[in-house]
Protein backbone atom coordinates (compact mmCIF):
# COMPACT_ATOMS: atom_id res chain seq x y z
CA MET A 1 0.00 0.00 0.00
CA SER A 2 1.42 3.39 -0.93
CA THR A 3 1.18 6.56 1.10
CA LEU A 4 -0.08 9.80 -0.34
CA ASP A 5 1.34 13.26 0.17
CA PRO A 6 -1.35 15.25 2.05
CA GLN A 7 -0.51 18.28 -0.08
CA SER A 8 -1.18 16.51 -3.40
CA PRO A 9 -4.68 16.47 -4.95
CA GLU A 10 -4.83 12.70 -4.47
CA GLY A 11 -3.79 12.99 -0.83
CA ARG A 12 -6.47 15.58 -0.16
CA GLY A 13 -9.06 13.28 -1.72
CA GLU A 14 -9.63 15.38 -4.80
CA ALA A 15 -10.38 13.26 -7.83
CA GLY A 16 -11.97 14.45 -11.07
CA ARG A 17 -14.94 16.85 -11.07
CA GLY A 18 -13.89 18.28 -7.70
CA GLY A 19 -15.21 15.36 -5.61
CA SER A 20 -13.13 12.93 -3.63
CA ALA A 21 -12.59 9.40 -4.83
CA ALA A 22 -14.11 8.15 -1.58
CA ASP A 23 -17.25 10.22 -2.22
CA GLU A 24 -17.52 8.86 -5.74
CA ARG A 25 -17.15 5.29 -4.48
CA PHE A 26 -19.73 5.94 -1.77
CA HIS A 27 -22.25 7.28 -4.30
CA ALA A 28 -21.59 4.34 -6.63
CA VAL A 29 -22.21 1.89 -3.79
CA LEU A 30 -25.33 3.82 -2.82
CA ARG A 31 -26.69 3.67 -6.39
CA LEU A 32 -25.94 -0.03 -6.72
CA SER A 33 -27.50 -0.85 -3.34
CA HIS A 34 -30.64 1.05 -4.37
CA ILE A 35 -30.87 -0.99 -7.57
CA PHE A 36 -30.30 -4.22 -5.64
CA SER A 37 -32.97 -3.37 -3.05
CA SER A 38 -35.46 -2.47 -5.80
CA VAL A 39 -34.92 -5.82 -7.51
CA VAL A 40 -35.27 -7.74 -4.24
CA ARG A 41 -38.45 -5.81 -3.36
CA GLU A 42 -39.94 -6.54 -6.78
CA ILE A 43 -39.12 -10.26 -6.51
CA LEU A 44 -40.71 -10.44 -3.07
CA GLU A 45 -43.80 -8.56 -4.23
CA VAL A 46 -44.22 -10.86 -7.23
CA ARG A 47 -43.98 -13.91 -4.97
CA LEU A 48 -46.48 -12.36 -2.53
CA LEU A 49 -48.79 -11.58 -5.42
CA GLU A 50 -48.61 -15.14 -6.74
CA ASP A 51 -49.34 -16.52 -3.25
CA ALA A 52 -52.13 -14.03 -2.49
CA THR A 53 -54.41 -14.53 -5.47
CA PRO A 54 -54.95 -16.89 -8.37
CA LEU A 55 -56.08 -13.92 -10.48
CA PRO A 56 -53.72 -12.61 -13.16
CA LEU A 57 -52.82 -9.32 -11.45
CA THR A 58 -49.91 -7.37 -12.80
CA LEU A 59 -47.40 -5.84 -10.44
CA SER A 60 -48.73 -2.37 -11.38
CA GLN A 61 -52.26 -3.39 -10.47
CA PHE A 62 -50.98 -4.79 -7.18
CA HIS A 63 -49.21 -1.49 -6.43
CA ILE A 64 -52.38 0.48 -7.12
CA LEU A 65 -54.40 -1.78 -4.84
CA LYS A 66 -51.77 -1.45 -2.13
CA LEU A 67 -51.76 2.34 -2.51
CA MET A 68 -55.51 2.50 -2.23
CA THR A 69 -55.48 0.57 1.03
CA LEU A 70 -53.02 3.11 2.44
CA ASN A 71 -54.99 6.12 1.19
CA GLY A 72 -58.29 5.02 2.74
CA ARG A 73 -60.48 7.33 0.64
CA HIS A 74 -61.68 4.62 -1.71
CA GLN A 75 -62.78 1.10 -1.06
CA VAL A 76 -60.51 -1.57 -2.44
CA GLY A 77 -63.48 -3.27 -4.11
CA GLU A 78 -64.21 -0.14 -6.15
CA LEU A 79 -60.65 0.01 -7.39
CA ALA A 80 -60.61 -3.72 -8.15
CA GLU A 81 -63.79 -3.29 -10.19
CA PHE A 82 -62.24 -0.32 -12.03
CA LEU A 83 -59.16 -2.41 -12.85
CA GLY A 84 -61.34 -5.28 -14.02
CA VAL A 85 -60.07 -7.82 -11.51
């Protein structure tokens, strides 16, 4: 492992576009972890959807139904009828 001169741009953590290399790595990891969590959430929701109903609901329809249960202004049955399920 090499040591960096604290007075050099690399030693001060300045890498391209004015941000530090550590910041850039952190943001890259953050972006990738967000993508990973979105994929895992979608897989789990699809499995839940398959277990919950034999009807051919799409993931979008499932999200709308879930949103409506959180909103509370409309009955889920009304939304299901609107979606044709």
